Amino acid sequence: MINLLPEDVKRDIGAARMNVILLRYNLFTLMAVGILVGMCVMFYIFLNLSQSSAVASSDENRAKVAQLNEVVTQANAYKQDLATAKQVFDQSINFSEVVFAIAKLIPKGVVISDISLETSQFDSPITFSAYAADYDEATQLKESFQESSLFTDVYLQNLSDSRNASSGGSGDSGADSGGSEGGSSSKYPISFSINAVIKKAVGLW
C-alpha cells in the first residue's frame, strides 16, 4: 500500500502520537507523585501518632518513677526508724525481769530489805542489805548469787547476829533492839550485806 499522505501530515501525525505518549508519561508521573505524597502524608501521620504515644508513655513512666521514688524514700526512712528503735530497744533494761530474777535466787529464810536498781548500777558493784534466820542461809544466798548468770564478784560483808548484840541487856531492851535494828526481828536475827556486780546483758530484752 502506497502512503499518499503529504509529508507535513505525516509529521503532524507522528507529533500527535508523541504528544499522546508524553501525556501518558506525565499522567503516570503525576499518579506516582500522588502516591508518594500520600505515602509520605500517611507516614508523617503515623510518626506523629507514635510520637504522641511515646510522649504519653514517657510521662506515665515518669509519674510511676516519681511515685516509686517516694515509696523507696518512705521505705528507707521506715527502715532507718526501725534500726534506731531496735538499737534503743536492744539497749533498754527490763528492770522488772531483773527484780524477778533476783527474787528467784533468794532462798527460804532470807529477806532482802529493799532492791533499788538504776541503769548506772549495772556492770558495777551493788550492795544489798539482807537478813537471815541463821548463818547457813546467808551463805546459801551468796552461793545462789554466785551460781547465777546474773551476778559476778559476789561476797558477804558486815555479817552480824542481833541476838549477840542484845544478850548483854535486859530481855525487854533486847526485844526492842531486835525489832528495831534495820527492820530485823527475832525471826531473822542475822543481818548482813551482800555485794555483787549485776551483768547488764541479762537485764536487756
N, C-alpha and C. Protein backbone atom coordinates (compact mmCIF):
# COMPACT_ATOMS: atom_id res chain seq x y z
N MET A 1 0.85 -1.19 0.00
CA MET A 1 0.00 0.00 0.00
C MET A 1 0.87 1.21 0.00
N ILE A 2 0.55 2.09 -0.88
CA ILE A 2 1.37 3.30 -1.04
C ILE A 2 0.78 4.38 -0.17
N ASN A 3 1.60 4.94 0.68
CA ASN A 3 1.18 6.04 1.55
C ASN A 3 1.22 7.32 0.74
N LEU A 4 0.03 7.86 0.49
CA LEU A 4 -0.05 9.06 -0.34
C LEU A 4 -0.21 10.32 0.49
N LEU A 5 -0.06 10.20 1.83
CA LEU A 5 -0.21 11.39 2.67
C LEU A 5 0.98 12.32 2.49
N PRO A 6 0.71 13.55 2.55
CA PRO A 6 1.82 14.51 2.41
C PRO A 6 2.76 14.39 3.61
N GLU A 7 3.95 14.88 3.42
CA GLU A 7 4.99 14.82 4.47
C GLU A 7 4.58 15.64 5.68
N ASP A 8 3.92 16.76 5.46
CA ASP A 8 3.53 17.61 6.60
C ASP A 8 2.52 16.89 7.48
N VAL A 9 1.59 16.18 6.81
CA VAL A 9 0.58 15.45 7.58
C VAL A 9 1.22 14.31 8.36
N LYS A 10 2.20 13.66 7.65
CA LYS A 10 2.90 12.58 8.35
C LYS A 10 3.61 13.10 9.60
N ARG A 11 4.23 14.23 9.53
CA ARG A 11 4.94 14.79 10.68
C ARG A 11 3.96 15.16 11.79
N ASP A 12 2.79 15.72 11.36
CA ASP A 12 1.79 16.08 12.38
C ASP A 12 1.27 14.85 13.10
N ILE A 13 1.03 13.78 12.30
CA ILE A 13 0.55 12.54 12.94
C ILE A 13 1.59 11.98 13.90
N GLY A 14 2.87 11.98 13.50
CA GLY A 14 3.95 11.49 14.38
C GLY A 14 4.05 12.35 15.64
N ALA A 15 3.90 13.70 15.48
CA ALA A 15 3.96 14.60 16.63
C ALA A 15 2.79 14.35 17.57
N ALA A 16 1.60 14.07 16.95
CA ALA A 16 0.42 13.81 17.79
C ALA A 16 0.62 12.54 18.61
N ARG A 17 1.18 11.50 17.96
CA ARG A 17 1.45 10.26 18.68
C ARG A 17 2.44 10.49 19.83
N MET A 18 3.45 11.27 19.53
CA MET A 18 4.46 11.57 20.57
C MET A 18 3.83 12.33 21.73
N ASN A 19 2.92 13.27 21.37
CA ASN A 19 2.25 14.03 22.44
C ASN A 19 1.40 13.12 23.32
N VAL A 20 0.72 12.15 22.65
CA VAL A 20 -0.10 11.21 23.43
C VAL A 20 0.77 10.40 24.37
N ILE A 21 1.92 9.93 23.84
CA ILE A 21 2.83 9.16 24.68
C ILE A 21 3.36 10.01 25.84
N LEU A 22 3.75 11.26 25.54
CA LEU A 22 4.24 12.14 26.60
C LEU A 22 3.15 12.43 27.64
N LEU A 23 1.92 12.60 27.13
CA LEU A 23 0.82 12.85 28.05
C LEU A 23 0.62 11.67 28.99
N ARG A 24 0.72 10.46 28.42
CA ARG A 24 0.59 9.27 29.26
C ARG A 24 1.69 9.22 30.32
N TYR A 25 2.94 9.50 29.86
CA TYR A 25 4.06 9.53 30.82
C TYR A 25 3.82 10.56 31.92
N ASN A 26 3.29 11.72 31.53
CA ASN A 26 3.02 12.77 32.54
C ASN A 26 1.95 12.31 33.52
N LEU A 27 0.91 11.65 32.97
CA LEU A 27 -0.14 11.16 33.86
C LEU A 27 0.40 10.11 34.82
N PHE A 28 1.22 9.16 34.28
CA PHE A 28 1.82 8.16 35.16
C PHE A 28 2.72 8.80 36.22
N THR A 29 3.46 9.81 35.77
CA THR A 29 4.35 10.51 36.71
C THR A 29 3.55 11.20 37.80
N LEU A 30 2.45 11.87 37.39
CA LEU A 30 1.61 12.56 38.39
C LEU A 30 1.00 11.55 39.36
N MET A 31 0.57 10.41 38.81
CA MET A 31 -0.01 9.38 39.68
C MET A 31 1.04 8.85 40.66
N ALA A 32 2.26 8.62 40.15
CA ALA A 32 3.32 8.14 41.03
C ALA A 32 3.65 9.17 42.10
N VAL A 33 3.71 10.45 41.68
CA VAL A 33 3.99 11.52 42.66
C VAL A 33 2.87 11.59 43.68
N GLY A 34 1.62 11.46 43.23
CA GLY A 34 0.50 11.49 44.16
C GLY A 34 0.57 10.36 45.17
N ILE A 35 0.91 9.16 44.64
CA ILE A 35 1.05 8.01 45.55
C ILE A 35 2.15 8.25 46.56
N LEU A 36 3.30 8.78 46.10
CA LEU A 36 4.42 9.06 47.01
C LEU A 36 4.02 10.10 48.06
N VAL A 37 3.32 11.15 47.59
CA VAL A 37 2.88 12.18 48.54
C VAL A 37 1.92 11.60 49.56
N GLY A 38 0.99 10.76 49.10
CA GLY A 38 0.06 10.12 50.03
C GLY A 38 0.78 9.25 51.04
N MET A 39 1.76 8.47 50.56
CA MET A 39 2.54 7.63 51.48
C MET A 39 3.30 8.47 52.49
N CYS A 40 3.88 9.62 51.98
CA CYS A 40 4.61 10.50 52.91
C CYS A 40 3.68 11.08 53.96
N VAL A 41 2.46 11.48 53.52
CA VAL A 41 1.49 12.03 54.48
C VAL A 41 1.10 10.98 55.51
N MET A 42 0.83 9.77 55.03
CA MET A 42 0.47 8.69 55.95
C MET A 42 1.62 8.37 56.91
N PHE A 43 2.84 8.35 56.39
CA PHE A 43 4.00 8.08 57.24
C PHE A 43 4.18 9.19 58.26
N TYR A 44 3.95 10.44 57.86
CA TYR A 44 4.06 11.58 58.77
C TYR A 44 3.02 11.48 59.88
N ILE A 45 1.78 11.13 59.48
CA ILE A 45 0.72 10.98 60.48
C ILE A 45 1.06 9.84 61.45
N PHE A 46 1.57 8.73 60.90
CA PHE A 46 1.96 7.59 61.75
C PHE A 46 3.06 7.99 62.73
N LEU A 47 4.04 8.76 62.23
CA LEU A 47 5.12 9.21 63.11
C LEU A 47 4.60 10.13 64.21
N ASN A 48 3.67 11.03 63.85
CA ASN A 48 3.09 11.92 64.86
C ASN A 48 2.32 11.14 65.92
N LEU A 49 1.55 10.16 65.46
CA LEU A 49 0.81 9.34 66.42
C LEU A 49 1.76 8.54 67.33
N SER A 50 2.81 7.99 66.71
CA SER A 50 3.80 7.25 67.51
C SER A 50 4.49 8.17 68.51
N GLN A 51 4.81 9.39 68.07
CA GLN A 51 5.46 10.35 68.98
C GLN A 51 4.53 10.71 70.13
N SER A 52 3.28 10.94 69.84
CA SER A 52 2.32 11.28 70.89
C SER A 52 2.18 10.14 71.88
N SER A 53 2.12 8.90 71.35
CA SER A 53 2.01 7.74 72.23
C SER A 53 3.27 7.58 73.07
N ALA A 54 4.43 7.82 72.45
CA ALA A 54 5.69 7.70 73.19
C ALA A 54 5.79 8.76 74.27
N VAL A 55 5.35 9.99 73.97
CA VAL A 55 5.39 11.07 74.97
C VAL A 55 4.46 10.75 76.13
N ALA A 56 3.24 10.25 75.80
CA ALA A 56 2.30 9.90 76.86
C ALA A 56 2.85 8.77 77.72
N SER A 57 3.44 7.76 77.07
CA SER A 57 4.03 6.65 77.82
C SER A 57 5.19 7.12 78.68
N SER A 58 6.00 8.05 78.12
CA SER A 58 7.13 8.58 78.89
C SER A 58 6.65 9.35 80.10
N ASP A 59 5.62 10.18 79.93
CA ASP A 59 5.08 10.94 81.06
C ASP A 59 4.50 9.99 82.12
N GLU A 60 3.82 8.94 81.65
CA GLU A 60 3.26 7.97 82.60
C GLU A 60 4.37 7.25 83.37
N ASN A 61 5.43 6.89 82.64
CA ASN A 61 6.56 6.22 83.30
C ASN A 61 7.26 7.14 84.29
N ARG A 62 7.38 8.42 83.94
CA ARG A 62 8.00 9.37 84.87
C ARG A 62 7.16 9.51 86.13
N ALA A 63 5.84 9.54 85.96
CA ALA A 63 4.96 9.63 87.13
C ALA A 63 5.12 8.39 88.01
N LYS A 64 5.20 7.21 87.37
CA LYS A 64 5.39 5.98 88.13
C LYS A 64 6.73 5.98 88.84
N VAL A 65 7.78 6.45 88.14
CA VAL A 65 9.12 6.50 88.75
C VAL A 65 9.13 7.44 89.95
N ALA A 66 8.46 8.61 89.79
CA ALA A 66 8.40 9.56 90.90
C ALA A 66 7.66 8.95 92.09
N GLN A 67 6.56 8.21 91.79
CA GLN A 67 5.81 7.55 92.86
C GLN A 67 6.65 6.47 93.53
N LEU A 68 7.37 5.69 92.71
CA LEU A 68 8.23 4.66 93.27
C LEU A 68 9.36 5.26 94.10
N ASN A 69 9.93 6.38 93.63
CA ASN A 69 10.98 7.04 94.40
C ASN A 69 10.45 7.50 95.75
N GLU A 70 9.21 7.98 95.76
CA GLU A 70 8.62 8.40 97.03
C GLU A 70 8.43 7.21 97.96
N VAL A 71 7.98 6.08 97.37
CA VAL A 71 7.80 4.87 98.17
C VAL A 71 9.14 4.38 98.71
N VAL A 72 10.19 4.42 97.85
CA VAL A 72 11.52 4.00 98.28
C VAL A 72 12.03 4.90 99.40
N THR A 73 11.78 6.21 99.27
CA THR A 73 12.22 7.15 100.31
C THR A 73 11.52 6.85 101.63
N GLN A 74 10.20 6.61 101.56
CA GLN A 74 9.46 6.28 102.78
C GLN A 74 9.93 4.96 103.37
N ALA A 75 10.21 3.99 102.49
CA ALA A 75 10.69 2.69 102.98
C ALA A 75 12.05 2.83 103.66
N ASN A 76 12.94 3.62 103.07
CA ASN A 76 14.26 3.83 103.68
C ASN A 76 14.13 4.53 105.03
N ALA A 77 13.23 5.54 105.08
CA ALA A 77 13.02 6.25 106.35
C ALA A 77 12.45 5.30 107.40
N TYR A 78 11.50 4.44 106.98
CA TYR A 78 10.92 3.47 107.91
C TYR A 78 11.96 2.47 108.38
N LYS A 79 12.82 2.04 107.44
CA LYS A 79 13.88 1.10 107.78
C LYS A 79 14.85 1.73 108.78
N GLN A 80 15.17 3.01 108.56
CA GLN A 80 16.08 3.70 109.48
C GLN A 80 15.44 3.85 110.86
N ASP A 81 14.13 4.15 110.88
CA ASP A 81 13.43 4.26 112.16
C ASP A 81 13.42 2.91 112.89
N LEU A 82 13.22 1.84 112.13
CA LEU A 82 13.23 0.50 112.74
C LEU A 82 14.61 0.17 113.31
N ALA A 83 15.65 0.54 112.56
CA ALA A 83 17.01 0.28 113.04
C ALA A 83 17.28 1.06 114.32
N THR A 84 16.84 2.34 114.34
CA THR A 84 17.03 3.15 115.55
C THR A 84 16.24 2.58 116.72
N ALA A 85 14.98 2.20 116.44
CA ALA A 85 14.15 1.63 117.51
C ALA A 85 14.75 0.33 118.03
N LYS A 86 15.27 -0.49 117.11
CA LYS A 86 15.88 -1.76 117.52
C LYS A 86 17.11 -1.50 118.38
N GLN A 87 17.91 -0.50 117.98
CA GLN A 87 19.10 -0.19 118.77
C GLN A 87 18.72 0.27 120.17
N VAL A 88 17.69 1.14 120.25
CA VAL A 88 17.25 1.61 121.56
C VAL A 88 16.65 0.46 122.37
N PHE A 89 15.85 -0.37 121.67
CA PHE A 89 15.20 -1.49 122.33
C PHE A 89 16.23 -2.50 122.84
N ASP A 90 17.27 -2.73 122.02
CA ASP A 90 18.31 -3.68 122.44
C ASP A 90 19.08 -3.19 123.66
N GLN A 91 19.18 -1.87 123.81
CA GLN A 91 19.94 -1.32 124.92
C GLN A 91 19.08 -1.02 126.14
N SER A 92 17.76 -1.20 126.00
CA SER A 92 16.88 -0.93 127.14
C SER A 92 16.98 -2.05 128.17
N ILE A 93 16.73 -1.70 129.40
CA ILE A 93 16.86 -2.65 130.50
C ILE A 93 15.47 -2.93 131.07
N ASN A 94 15.14 -4.18 131.18
CA ASN A 94 13.86 -4.59 131.76
C ASN A 94 14.07 -4.82 133.26
N PHE A 95 13.83 -3.78 134.03
CA PHE A 95 14.08 -3.85 135.46
C PHE A 95 13.19 -4.88 136.15
N SER A 96 11.95 -5.01 135.68
CA SER A 96 11.05 -5.96 136.34
C SER A 96 11.58 -7.39 136.21
N GLU A 97 12.12 -7.74 135.03
CA GLU A 97 12.68 -9.09 134.86
C GLU A 97 13.89 -9.29 135.77
N VAL A 98 14.71 -8.24 135.92
CA VAL A 98 15.88 -8.36 136.79
C VAL A 98 15.44 -8.57 138.24
N VAL A 99 14.43 -7.81 138.68
CA VAL A 99 13.95 -7.95 140.06
C VAL A 99 13.39 -9.34 140.30
N PHE A 100 12.60 -9.84 139.33
CA PHE A 100 12.05 -11.19 139.49
C PHE A 100 13.16 -12.24 139.49
N ALA A 101 14.20 -12.02 138.66
CA ALA A 101 15.31 -12.97 138.63
C ALA A 101 16.04 -12.99 139.97
N ILE A 102 16.21 -11.80 140.58
CA ILE A 102 16.86 -11.74 141.90
C ILE A 102 15.99 -12.42 142.95
N ALA A 103 14.67 -12.17 142.87
CA ALA A 103 13.76 -12.77 143.85
C ALA A 103 13.80 -14.29 143.81
N LYS A 104 13.97 -14.86 142.61
CA LYS A 104 14.04 -16.32 142.49
C LYS A 104 15.30 -16.89 143.13
N LEU A 105 16.33 -16.06 143.29
CA LEU A 105 17.59 -16.54 143.86
C LEU A 105 17.60 -16.51 145.38
N ILE A 106 16.63 -15.82 145.98
CA ILE A 106 16.62 -15.68 147.44
C ILE A 106 16.08 -16.96 148.06
N PRO A 107 16.86 -17.64 148.87
CA PRO A 107 16.39 -18.90 149.49
C PRO A 107 15.42 -18.63 150.63
N LYS A 108 14.73 -19.66 151.06
CA LYS A 108 13.82 -19.55 152.18
C LYS A 108 14.61 -19.28 153.45
N GLY A 109 14.11 -18.36 154.26
CA GLY A 109 14.80 -17.98 155.48
C GLY A 109 15.67 -16.76 155.31
N VAL A 110 15.63 -16.11 154.14
CA VAL A 110 16.41 -14.89 153.88
C VAL A 110 15.47 -13.83 153.30
N VAL A 111 15.64 -12.61 153.76
CA VAL A 111 14.88 -11.48 153.19
C VAL A 111 15.87 -10.38 152.85
N ILE A 112 15.60 -9.69 151.76
CA ILE A 112 16.38 -8.50 151.39
C ILE A 112 15.55 -7.29 151.72
N SER A 113 16.16 -6.34 152.41
CA SER A 113 15.39 -5.21 152.92
C SER A 113 14.78 -4.38 151.79
N ASP A 114 15.55 -4.12 150.77
CA ASP A 114 14.99 -3.36 149.64
C ASP A 114 15.88 -3.60 148.41
N ILE A 115 15.28 -3.45 147.24
CA ILE A 115 16.01 -3.55 145.97
C ILE A 115 15.72 -2.29 145.18
N SER A 116 16.72 -1.48 144.97
CA SER A 116 16.59 -0.25 144.19
C SER A 116 17.64 -0.28 143.09
N LEU A 117 17.18 -0.37 141.86
CA LEU A 117 18.09 -0.51 140.72
C LEU A 117 18.02 0.71 139.82
N GLU A 118 19.18 1.07 139.29
CA GLU A 118 19.29 2.13 138.30
C GLU A 118 20.18 1.64 137.17
N THR A 119 20.06 2.29 136.04
CA THR A 119 20.85 1.89 134.87
C THR A 119 22.34 1.96 135.15
N SER A 120 22.76 2.96 135.89
CA SER A 120 24.18 3.15 136.17
C SER A 120 24.76 2.06 137.07
N GLN A 121 23.89 1.30 137.75
CA GLN A 121 24.37 0.27 138.67
C GLN A 121 24.76 -1.03 137.98
N PHE A 122 24.37 -1.19 136.73
CA PHE A 122 24.71 -2.42 136.02
C PHE A 122 26.18 -2.42 135.64
N ASP A 123 26.78 -3.59 135.70
CA ASP A 123 28.21 -3.78 135.43
C ASP A 123 29.08 -3.02 136.43
N SER A 124 28.53 -2.76 137.59
CA SER A 124 29.30 -2.12 138.66
C SER A 124 28.81 -2.70 139.99
N PRO A 125 29.66 -2.67 141.04
CA PRO A 125 29.27 -3.28 142.31
C PRO A 125 28.03 -2.63 142.92
N ILE A 126 27.18 -3.47 143.50
CA ILE A 126 25.98 -3.01 144.18
C ILE A 126 25.84 -3.79 145.48
N THR A 127 25.33 -3.13 146.51
CA THR A 127 25.22 -3.74 147.83
C THR A 127 23.76 -3.94 148.19
N PHE A 128 23.42 -5.16 148.61
CA PHE A 128 22.08 -5.48 149.09
C PHE A 128 22.15 -5.72 150.60
N SER A 129 21.25 -5.08 151.33
CA SER A 129 21.12 -5.34 152.77
C SER A 129 20.12 -6.47 152.97
N ALA A 130 20.50 -7.46 153.76
CA ALA A 130 19.65 -8.64 153.90
C ALA A 130 19.65 -9.13 155.34
N TYR A 131 18.67 -9.98 155.64
CA TYR A 131 18.53 -10.62 156.95
C TYR A 131 18.28 -12.11 156.73
N ALA A 132 18.80 -12.92 157.65
CA ALA A 132 18.65 -14.36 157.52
C ALA A 132 18.33 -14.97 158.87
N ALA A 133 17.76 -16.18 158.81
CA ALA A 133 17.43 -16.86 160.07
C ALA A 133 18.67 -17.41 160.74
N ASP A 134 19.68 -17.78 159.93
CA ASP A 134 20.94 -18.25 160.52
C ASP A 134 22.05 -18.03 159.48
N TYR A 135 23.28 -18.34 159.89
CA TYR A 135 24.43 -18.09 159.04
C TYR A 135 24.42 -18.97 157.78
N ASP A 136 23.93 -20.18 157.92
CA ASP A 136 23.91 -21.08 156.76
C ASP A 136 23.05 -20.52 155.63
N GLU A 137 21.93 -19.93 155.98
CA GLU A 137 21.05 -19.38 154.95
C GLU A 137 21.66 -18.14 154.31
N ALA A 138 22.41 -17.36 155.09
CA ALA A 138 23.12 -16.22 154.49
C ALA A 138 24.16 -16.71 153.49
N THR A 139 24.86 -17.77 153.89
CA THR A 139 25.84 -18.36 152.97
C THR A 139 25.16 -18.95 151.74
N GLN A 140 23.97 -19.51 151.94
CA GLN A 140 23.23 -20.08 150.82
C GLN A 140 22.84 -19.00 149.81
N LEU A 141 22.50 -17.82 150.32
CA LEU A 141 22.18 -16.70 149.40
C LEU A 141 23.41 -16.32 148.58
N LYS A 142 24.56 -16.27 149.22
CA LYS A 142 25.79 -15.96 148.50
C LYS A 142 26.05 -17.00 147.41
N GLU A 143 25.91 -18.28 147.76
CA GLU A 143 26.15 -19.33 146.77
C GLU A 143 25.13 -19.26 145.63
N SER A 144 23.89 -18.92 145.97
CA SER A 144 22.86 -18.80 144.93
C SER A 144 23.20 -17.67 143.96
N PHE A 145 23.72 -16.55 144.49
CA PHE A 145 24.13 -15.44 143.63
C PHE A 145 25.33 -15.84 142.78
N GLN A 146 26.26 -16.56 143.37
CA GLN A 146 27.46 -16.96 142.64
C GLN A 146 27.15 -17.92 141.49
N GLU A 147 26.23 -18.83 141.71
CA GLU A 147 25.88 -19.80 140.69
C GLU A 147 25.00 -19.22 139.59
N SER A 148 24.43 -18.06 139.83
CA SER A 148 23.55 -17.45 138.84
C SER A 148 24.36 -16.73 137.76
N SER A 149 23.79 -16.69 136.56
CA SER A 149 24.42 -15.93 135.47
C SER A 149 24.13 -14.45 135.58
N LEU A 150 23.38 -14.06 136.59
CA LEU A 150 23.02 -12.66 136.77
C LEU A 150 24.12 -11.86 137.44
N PHE A 151 24.91 -12.51 138.34
CA PHE A 151 25.88 -11.78 139.15
C PHE A 151 27.30 -12.30 138.92
N THR A 152 28.26 -11.41 139.23
CA THR A 152 29.67 -11.78 139.33
C THR A 152 30.25 -11.08 140.56
N ASP A 153 31.42 -11.54 140.98
CA ASP A 153 32.13 -10.92 142.12
C ASP A 153 31.22 -10.82 143.35
N VAL A 154 30.69 -11.94 143.78
CA VAL A 154 29.77 -11.95 144.91
C VAL A 154 30.56 -12.23 146.20
N TYR A 155 30.28 -11.45 147.24
CA TYR A 155 30.88 -11.72 148.55
C TYR A 155 30.02 -11.08 149.63
N LEU A 156 30.14 -11.66 150.85
CA LEU A 156 29.39 -11.18 152.01
C LEU A 156 30.25 -10.21 152.82
N GLN A 157 29.55 -9.31 153.53
CA GLN A 157 30.25 -8.40 154.45
C GLN A 157 29.26 -7.95 155.53
N ASN A 158 29.82 -7.39 156.61
CA ASN A 158 29.03 -6.85 157.72
C ASN A 158 28.06 -7.89 158.30
N LEU A 159 28.56 -9.09 158.42
CA LEU A 159 27.73 -10.18 158.95
C LEU A 159 27.67 -10.03 160.48
N SER A 160 26.45 -9.97 161.03
CA SER A 160 26.31 -9.82 162.48
C SER A 160 25.04 -10.51 162.95
N ASP A 161 25.04 -10.85 164.26
CA ASP A 161 23.90 -11.53 164.88
C ASP A 161 23.32 -10.62 165.94
N SER A 162 22.08 -10.19 165.74
CA SER A 162 21.44 -9.27 166.69
C SER A 162 21.21 -9.93 168.05
N ARG A 163 21.17 -11.24 168.11
CA ARG A 163 20.98 -11.92 169.39
C ARG A 163 22.20 -11.73 170.29
N ASN A 164 23.39 -11.72 169.67
CA ASN A 164 24.59 -11.49 170.46
C ASN A 164 24.66 -10.05 170.92
N ALA A 165 24.19 -9.12 170.07
CA ALA A 165 24.25 -7.71 170.43
C ALA A 165 23.30 -7.39 171.56
N SER A 166 22.20 -8.13 171.64
CA SER A 166 21.19 -7.81 172.67
C SER A 166 21.33 -8.68 173.91
N SER A 167 22.28 -9.64 173.93
CA SER A 167 22.39 -10.55 175.08
C SER A 167 22.88 -9.85 176.32
N GLY A 168 23.59 -8.71 176.21
CA GLY A 168 24.11 -8.03 177.39
C GLY A 168 23.08 -7.20 178.10
N GLY A 169 21.94 -6.92 177.47
CA GLY A 169 20.93 -6.07 178.09
C GLY A 169 19.81 -6.89 178.65
N SER A 170 18.76 -6.18 179.07
CA SER A 170 17.58 -6.85 179.63
C SER A 170 16.78 -7.48 178.53
N GLY A 171 15.87 -8.33 178.89
CA GLY A 171 15.04 -9.01 177.90
C GLY A 171 14.20 -8.05 177.11
N ASP A 172 13.61 -7.03 177.82
CA ASP A 172 12.77 -6.07 177.12
C ASP A 172 13.57 -5.25 176.14
N SER A 173 14.74 -4.78 176.60
CA SER A 173 15.56 -3.96 175.71
C SER A 173 16.04 -4.79 174.55
N GLY A 174 16.35 -6.09 174.78
CA GLY A 174 16.77 -6.97 173.69
C GLY A 174 15.67 -7.14 172.68
N ALA A 175 14.45 -7.28 173.13
CA ALA A 175 13.34 -7.44 172.21
C ALA A 175 13.15 -6.20 171.39
N ASP A 176 13.25 -5.01 172.10
CA ASP A 176 13.10 -3.76 171.35
C ASP A 176 14.20 -3.60 170.35
N SER A 177 15.43 -3.96 170.78
CA SER A 177 16.57 -3.80 169.87
C SER A 177 16.41 -4.72 168.67
N GLY A 178 15.99 -5.96 168.92
CA GLY A 178 15.82 -6.90 167.81
C GLY A 178 14.74 -6.46 166.86
N GLY A 179 13.71 -5.78 167.37
CA GLY A 179 12.61 -5.38 166.50
C GLY A 179 12.89 -4.12 165.75
N SER A 180 13.89 -3.32 166.16
CA SER A 180 14.10 -2.02 165.54
C SER A 180 15.36 -1.95 164.72
N GLU A 181 16.22 -2.90 164.81
CA GLU A 181 17.52 -2.82 164.14
C GLU A 181 17.35 -3.15 162.65
N GLY A 182 17.27 -2.07 161.84
CA GLY A 182 17.23 -2.21 160.38
C GLY A 182 16.07 -3.05 159.91
N GLY A 183 15.00 -3.12 160.64
CA GLY A 183 13.85 -3.90 160.21
C GLY A 183 14.02 -5.37 160.51
N SER A 184 15.06 -5.80 161.26
CA SER A 184 15.24 -7.20 161.60
C SER A 184 14.28 -7.58 162.72
N SER A 185 14.10 -8.85 162.95
CA SER A 185 13.23 -9.34 164.02
C SER A 185 13.85 -10.61 164.59
N SER A 186 13.18 -11.16 165.59
CA SER A 186 13.69 -12.39 166.19
C SER A 186 13.68 -13.53 165.18
N LYS A 187 12.86 -13.44 164.11
CA LYS A 187 12.82 -14.49 163.10
C LYS A 187 14.03 -14.43 162.18
N TYR A 188 14.58 -13.24 161.96
CA TYR A 188 15.74 -13.06 161.09
C TYR A 188 16.81 -12.28 161.85
N PRO A 189 17.49 -12.93 162.79
CA PRO A 189 18.46 -12.21 163.62
C PRO A 189 19.78 -11.91 162.92
N ILE A 190 20.09 -12.60 161.84
CA ILE A 190 21.37 -12.41 161.17
C ILE A 190 21.23 -11.30 160.12
N SER A 191 21.96 -10.23 160.32
CA SER A 191 21.96 -9.13 159.34
C SER A 191 23.31 -9.14 158.62
N PHE A 192 23.26 -8.83 157.34
CA PHE A 192 24.50 -8.83 156.56
C PHE A 192 24.27 -8.04 155.27
N SER A 193 25.35 -7.80 154.59
CA SER A 193 25.30 -7.16 153.27
C SER A 193 25.94 -8.10 152.27
N ILE A 194 25.40 -8.12 151.08
CA ILE A 194 25.96 -8.94 150.02
C ILE A 194 26.29 -8.04 148.84
N ASN A 195 27.53 -8.06 148.45
CA ASN A 195 28.00 -7.24 147.33
C ASN A 195 28.09 -8.11 146.08
N ALA A 196 27.71 -7.53 144.95
CA ALA A 196 27.78 -8.26 143.68
C ALA A 196 27.73 -7.27 142.53
N VAL A 197 28.15 -7.74 141.38
CA VAL A 197 28.08 -6.94 140.15
C VAL A 197 26.99 -7.56 139.28
N ILE A 198 25.99 -6.77 138.92
CA ILE A 198 24.91 -7.25 138.06
C ILE A 198 25.35 -7.10 136.61
N LYS A 199 25.26 -8.17 135.85
CA LYS A 199 25.62 -8.10 134.44
C LYS A 199 24.52 -7.36 133.68
N LYS A 200 24.96 -6.42 132.86
CA LYS A 200 23.98 -5.63 132.11
C LYS A 200 23.27 -6.46 131.05
N ALA A 201 23.96 -7.42 130.49
CA ALA A 201 23.38 -8.19 129.38
C ALA A 201 22.12 -8.92 129.78
N VAL A 202 22.05 -9.39 130.99
CA VAL A 202 20.87 -10.15 131.41
C VAL A 202 19.69 -9.24 131.67
N GLY A 203 19.92 -7.96 131.78
CA GLY A 203 18.83 -7.02 132.01
C GLY A 203 18.20 -6.51 130.74
N LEU A 204 18.77 -6.89 129.57
CA LEU A 204 18.23 -6.42 128.30
C LEU A 204 17.08 -7.30 127.86
N TRP A 205 16.23 -6.74 127.04
CA TRP A 205 15.10 -7.52 126.50
C TRP A 205 15.63 -8.63 125.64
